[in-house]
Protein backbone atom coordinates (compact mmCIF):
# COMPACT_ATOMS: atom_id res chain seq x y z
CA UNK A 1 -18.64 0.57 0.07
CA UNK A 2 -17.75 4.25 0.16
CA UNK A 3 -14.53 5.25 -1.58
CA UNK A 4 -12.48 7.72 0.44
CA UNK A 5 -9.83 9.46 -1.69
CA UNK A 6 -6.40 10.31 -0.36
CA UNK A 7 -5.72 14.05 -0.26
CA UNK A 8 -2.53 14.16 -2.36
CA UNK A 9 -2.73 17.64 -3.81
CA UNK A 10 -4.08 20.21 -1.38
CA UNK A 11 -7.65 21.38 -1.34
CA UNK A 12 -10.17 20.37 1.29
CA UNK A 13 -9.07 17.44 3.48
CA UNK A 14 -11.21 14.29 3.36
CA UNK A 15 -14.11 14.19 5.83
CA UNK A 16 -13.23 10.67 6.97
CA UNK A 17 -10.09 8.56 7.22
CA UNK A 18 -9.19 6.39 4.22
CA UNK A 19 -10.26 2.79 4.75
CA UNK A 20 -10.24 -0.54 2.95
CA UNK A 21 -12.38 -3.62 3.38
CA UNK A 22 -10.77 -6.76 4.81
CA UNK A 23 -10.91 -8.83 1.59
CA UNK A 24 -9.28 -6.08 -0.49
CA UNK A 25 -6.58 -5.59 2.13
CA UNK A 26 -5.78 -9.32 2.12
CA UNK A 27 -5.59 -9.30 -1.70
CA UNK A 28 -3.34 -6.24 -1.73
CA UNK A 29 -1.05 -7.76 0.91
CA UNK A 30 -0.85 -10.95 -1.16
CA UNK A 31 0.18 -8.99 -4.26
CA UNK A 32 2.76 -7.08 -2.19
CA UNK A 33 4.26 -10.33 -0.86
CA UNK A 34 4.31 -11.91 -4.34
CA UNK A 35 6.00 -8.79 -5.72
CA UNK A 36 8.61 -8.92 -2.97
CA UNK A 37 9.42 -12.56 -3.81
CA UNK A 38 9.56 -11.74 -7.52
CA UNK A 39 12.02 -8.90 -6.88
CA UNK A 40 14.40 -11.28 -5.11
CA UNK A 41 14.57 -13.48 -8.22
CA UNK A 42 14.87 -10.68 -10.81
CA UNK A 43 18.35 -10.64 -12.37
CA UNK A 44 18.05 -7.45 -14.44
CA UNK A 45 19.21 -4.56 -12.24
CA UNK A 46 17.09 -1.93 -14.02
CA UNK A 47 13.92 -4.01 -13.71
CA UNK A 48 14.74 -4.72 -10.07
CA UNK A 49 15.07 -0.98 -9.36
CA UNK A 50 11.72 -0.30 -11.04
CA UNK A 51 10.07 -3.09 -9.05
CA UNK A 52 11.54 -1.75 -5.79
CA UNK A 53 9.94 1.62 -6.61
CA UNK A 54 6.56 -0.03 -7.13
CA UNK A 55 6.94 -2.06 -3.93
CA UNK A 56 7.87 1.06 -1.94
CA UNK A 57 4.82 2.96 -3.19
CA UNK A 58 2.60 -0.03 -2.52
CA UNK A 59 4.07 -0.34 0.99
CA UNK A 60 3.34 3.34 1.64
CA UNK A 61 -0.31 2.77 0.66
CA UNK A 62 -0.56 -0.32 2.88
CA UNK A 63 1.20 1.20 5.89
CA UNK A 64 -1.77 3.05 7.44
CA UNK A 65 -3.95 -0.04 7.15
CA UNK A 66 -1.47 -2.41 8.78
CA UNK A 67 -0.79 -0.33 11.89
CA UNK A 68 -2.67 -0.85 15.17
CA UNK A 69 -5.38 1.74 15.85
CA UNK A 70 -4.37 4.84 17.80
CA UNK A 71 -4.45 4.18 21.52
CA UNK A 72 -4.13 0.39 21.13
CA UNK A 73 -1.76 -1.35 23.48
């Protein structure tokens, strides 16, 4: 599988769109869901805030891969 880096810091844009294989996407979604459940049960406010930050970044990574393709109905 070809690894396509995200262009986070300028320079030449990637030649192809970032992609992820189905199995890895399912694993990542599972971790995201487990993290979300764990956050709900965390009593320490500071830890909860840190976990929300991780979940938000993880959600931002997952977002492009969970949206319907452009032009889909």
